[in-house]
Amino acid sequence: MTPEPSPPGNAAPARREALNALTREALRSIDRGAVVVSRETRSMAPFLRGGERIHWRRGPRPRTGDLLLFLGRPGPVVHRVVGRRGEVLVTQGDNRPVPDVEPVATDDVVGVVVAVERGGRRWDLGRRGARLYAAGAASLSRAGGALYRVAVLADAALRRVLPGGRDVRPVRTVAWALLRGVRVAFHFLLFRPCHGAGYPVEEDADR
């Protein structure tokens, strides 16, 4: 089969947008669903490591800390809500230093993640402990984002004083390593106390 030629100019972004529009229309009539998290991404590690089955539901107003399934660029994304800007939502992956560049409009929201399955067990994210974990994770992301921005400015100042204006990033590197370490410690110390042991997926049909 002859490979299809690459679309010229801005045809690729237009095609992605058309695909998103079709996906959005298809999802309007669906109140809930489940998808498997791609193993190709680590943007939500360590909370999501790839391969988990997440259950989402339309309807609930997204709150700070919620995991949001939305249509990004180029496709569906699961990131945490870390704030609001008027009518749009600010999202960020737990394993990202700063919030996503584009806020999420209401029309792009597929739903709120209400449960996660991994290793044959399921955890409901609407429990009080899970909500406390979610709020803490969002606060950690906001604080980490502020620290990382300061590190970026510090590296920019270093470039001004070093000969040749070399692209150095020592402060950013240290800040990001620190942030990742804190995130991993937060998750492994608090996930189980906040979410419990979960329950076997086989029980789901009886609940």
Protein backbone atom coordinates (compact mmCIF):
# COMPACT_ATOMS: atom_id res chain seq x y z
CA MET A 1 0.00 0.00 0.00
CA THR A 2 1.36 3.41 -0.95
CA PRO A 3 1.86 5.61 2.13
CA GLU A 4 -0.43 8.59 2.34
CA PRO A 5 1.45 11.87 1.78
CA SER A 6 1.82 14.21 4.71
CA PRO A 7 -0.71 17.05 4.68
CA PRO A 8 0.80 20.35 3.59
CA GLY A 9 0.96 23.52 5.64
CA ASN A 10 -1.50 23.71 8.51
CA ALA A 11 -3.62 20.77 7.35
CA ALA A 12 -2.43 18.51 10.20
CA PRO A 13 -3.63 20.82 13.02
CA ALA A 14 -6.89 21.31 11.13
CA ARG A 15 -7.32 17.55 10.84
CA ARG A 16 -6.66 17.09 14.55
CA GLU A 17 -9.21 19.76 15.38
CA ALA A 18 -11.77 18.09 13.12
CA LEU A 19 -11.11 14.76 14.86
CA ASN A 20 -11.55 16.41 18.26
CA ALA A 21 -14.83 17.91 17.08
CA LEU A 22 -16.09 14.48 16.01
CA THR A 23 -14.97 12.96 19.31
CA ARG A 24 -16.67 15.75 21.25
CA GLU A 25 -19.95 15.20 19.40
CA ALA A 26 -19.76 11.44 19.96
CA LEU A 27 -19.23 11.93 23.70
CA ARG A 28 -22.12 14.35 24.21
CA SER A 29 -24.60 11.47 24.45
CA ILE A 30 -22.43 9.41 26.84
CA ASP A 31 -22.80 9.99 30.58
CA ARG A 32 -20.00 7.74 31.75
CA GLY A 33 -17.32 5.43 30.45
CA ALA A 34 -13.93 3.81 31.03
CA VAL A 35 -10.62 4.05 29.20
CA VAL A 36 -7.17 2.54 29.65
CA VAL A 37 -4.32 4.96 30.34
CA SER A 38 -1.59 4.86 27.71
CA ARG A 39 1.73 3.32 28.73
CA GLU A 40 3.50 5.85 26.52
CA THR A 41 3.06 8.75 28.89
CA ARG A 42 4.25 9.46 32.42
CA SER A 43 2.72 12.91 32.86
CA MET A 44 0.57 11.73 35.81
CA ALA A 45 3.18 9.52 37.50
CA PRO A 46 3.29 8.19 40.13
CA PHE A 47 -0.51 8.34 40.54
CA LEU A 48 -1.04 6.93 37.04
CA ARG A 49 1.82 4.89 35.62
CA GLY A 50 0.17 3.63 32.43
CA GLY A 51 -2.10 0.64 31.93
CA GLU A 52 -4.67 1.67 34.55
CA ARG A 53 -8.35 1.57 33.67
CA ILE A 54 -10.02 4.82 34.67
CA HIS A 55 -13.76 5.35 35.03
CA TRP A 56 -15.12 8.79 34.23
CA ARG A 57 -18.51 10.43 34.59
CA ARG A 58 -20.06 13.53 33.10
CA GLY A 59 -22.09 15.92 35.18
CA PRO A 60 -20.20 16.74 38.37
CA ARG A 61 -18.69 20.22 38.39
CA PRO A 62 -14.90 19.69 38.40
CA ARG A 63 -13.26 20.67 41.66
CA THR A 64 -9.67 21.55 42.40
CA GLY A 65 -7.74 18.29 42.71
CA ASP A 66 -10.08 16.25 40.49
CA LEU A 67 -8.64 14.17 37.69
CA LEU A 68 -10.14 15.54 34.50
CA LEU A 69 -10.54 13.71 31.21
CA PHE A 70 -10.56 16.32 28.47
CA LEU A 71 -9.85 16.76 24.79
CA GLY A 72 -6.41 18.27 24.46
CA ARG A 73 -4.13 18.69 21.51
CA PRO A 74 -3.96 16.26 19.79
CA GLY A 75 -6.31 13.96 21.74
CA PRO A 76 -7.78 12.91 25.12
CA VAL A 77 -5.73 13.85 28.19
CA VAL A 78 -6.04 13.03 31.90
CA HIS A 79 -4.56 15.74 34.13
CA ARG A 80 -5.40 17.18 37.53
CA VAL A 81 -7.40 20.39 38.02
CA VAL A 82 -5.17 22.84 39.90
CA GLY A 83 -7.23 26.02 39.56
CA ARG A 84 -9.65 28.16 37.57
CA ARG A 85 -9.38 31.23 35.37
CA GLY A 86 -12.87 32.57 35.01
CA GLU A 87 -14.83 29.98 33.05
CA VAL A 88 -11.86 27.78 32.13
CA LEU A 89 -9.95 25.17 34.15
CA VAL A 90 -6.21 25.14 34.79
CA THR A 91 -4.80 21.61 34.63
CA GLN A 92 -1.42 20.04 35.27
CA GLY A 93 0.09 16.58 35.17
CA ASP A 94 1.40 15.44 38.56
CA ASN A 95 4.73 14.74 36.86
CA ARG A 96 4.95 18.14 35.16
CA PRO A 97 6.70 21.16 36.65
CA VAL A 98 4.16 23.77 35.52
CA PRO A 99 0.48 23.88 34.47
CA ASP A 100 -0.60 23.04 30.94
CA VAL A 101 -0.13 25.91 28.50
CA GLU A 102 -3.77 25.93 27.39
CA PRO A 103 -6.57 26.05 29.98
CA VAL A 104 -9.47 23.66 29.46
CA ALA A 105 -12.74 25.07 28.16
CA THR A 106 -16.06 23.57 29.24
CA ASP A 107 -16.72 22.20 25.75
CA ASP A 108 -13.49 20.17 25.90
CA VAL A 109 -14.32 18.43 29.19
CA VAL A 110 -15.24 14.76 28.72
CA GLY A 111 -15.77 14.02 32.40
CA VAL A 112 -14.34 13.69 35.89
CA VAL A 113 -12.43 10.51 36.78
CA VAL A 114 -14.33 8.77 39.59
CA ALA A 115 -12.39 5.52 39.96
CA VAL A 116 -9.08 3.92 39.04
CA GLU A 117 -8.35 0.22 38.51
CA ARG A 118 -4.84 -1.17 38.77
CA GLY A 119 -3.45 -4.61 39.55
CA GLY A 120 -6.90 -6.17 39.88
CA ARG A 121 -8.13 -3.62 42.43
CA ARG A 122 -10.28 -0.51 42.19
CA TRP A 123 -10.12 2.74 44.14
CA ASP A 124 -13.03 5.19 44.27
CA LEU A 125 -11.89 8.81 44.11
CA GLY A 126 -15.00 10.31 45.69
CA ARG A 127 -14.21 9.17 49.24
CA ARG A 128 -13.27 11.81 51.81
CA GLY A 129 -9.70 10.54 52.12
CA ALA A 130 -9.28 10.49 48.34
CA ARG A 131 -10.55 14.07 48.18
CA LEU A 132 -7.97 15.12 50.78
CA TYR A 133 -5.23 13.47 48.72
CA ALA A 134 -6.48 15.22 45.56
CA ALA A 135 -6.54 18.64 47.23
CA GLY A 136 -3.04 18.06 48.61
CA ALA A 137 -1.74 16.98 45.20
CA ALA A 138 -3.16 20.12 43.59
CA SER A 139 -1.60 22.35 46.27
CA LEU A 140 1.73 20.58 45.79
CA SER A 141 1.56 21.23 42.05
CA ARG A 142 0.81 24.93 42.54
CA ALA A 143 3.65 25.36 45.05
CA GLY A 144 6.01 23.37 42.84
CA GLY A 145 5.08 25.44 39.81
CA ALA A 146 5.93 28.66 41.67
CA LEU A 147 9.29 27.23 42.78
CA TYR A 148 10.09 26.05 39.25
CA ARG A 149 9.36 29.49 37.78
CA VAL A 150 11.78 31.03 40.27
CA ALA A 151 14.38 28.46 39.19
CA VAL A 152 13.84 29.41 35.53
CA LEU A 153 14.46 33.08 36.38
CA ALA A 154 17.58 32.13 38.36
CA ASP A 155 18.98 30.22 35.38
CA ALA A 156 18.21 33.19 33.12
CA ALA A 157 20.21 35.43 35.48
CA LEU A 158 23.11 32.95 35.39
CA ARG A 159 23.18 33.04 31.60
CA ARG A 160 23.64 36.82 31.72
CA VAL A 161 26.75 36.64 33.91
CA LEU A 162 28.44 33.58 32.38
CA PRO A 163 30.78 34.13 29.44
CA GLY A 164 29.29 33.29 26.07
CA GLY A 165 25.74 33.30 27.37
CA ARG A 166 25.67 29.51 27.58
CA ASP A 167 22.32 27.78 28.07
CA VAL A 168 22.81 26.58 31.65
CA ARG A 169 20.01 25.12 33.75
CA PRO A 170 21.54 24.04 37.08
CA VAL A 171 18.92 25.67 39.30
CA ARG A 172 16.08 24.29 37.18
CA THR A 173 17.60 20.80 37.26
CA VAL A 174 17.94 20.81 41.05
CA ALA A 175 14.45 22.28 41.52
CA TRP A 176 12.86 19.66 39.27
CA ALA A 177 14.70 16.80 41.00
CA LEU A 178 13.50 18.13 44.36
CA LEU A 179 9.92 18.49 43.15
CA ARG A 180 9.85 14.96 41.76
CA GLY A 181 11.25 13.55 44.98
CA VAL A 182 8.63 15.35 47.07
CA ARG A 183 5.87 14.17 44.71
CA VAL A 184 6.96 10.53 44.92
CA ALA A 185 7.23 10.71 48.72
CA PHE A 186 3.79 12.36 48.96
CA HIS A 187 2.22 9.61 46.87
CA PHE A 188 3.80 6.59 48.51
CA LEU A 189 3.26 7.91 52.03
CA LEU A 190 -0.33 9.09 51.58
CA PHE A 191 -1.99 7.09 48.80
CA ARG A 192 -2.87 4.05 50.90
CA PRO A 193 -3.92 5.98 54.07
CA CYS A 194 -6.15 8.25 51.95
CA HIS A 195 -7.57 5.75 49.47
CA GLY A 196 -7.56 2.54 51.48
CA ALA A 197 -6.71 -0.86 50.04
CA GLY A 198 -9.36 -0.67 47.34
CA TYR A 199 -11.47 -3.69 46.48
CA PRO A 200 -11.16 -6.46 43.91
CA VAL A 201 -12.38 -5.48 40.46
CA GLU A 202 -14.54 -8.63 40.38
CA GLU A 203 -16.72 -7.08 43.09
CA ASP A 204 -17.57 -4.16 40.81
CA ALA A 205 -20.47 -6.00 39.19
CA ASP A 206 -22.14 -6.43 42.59
CA ARG A 207 -21.81 -2.83 43.73
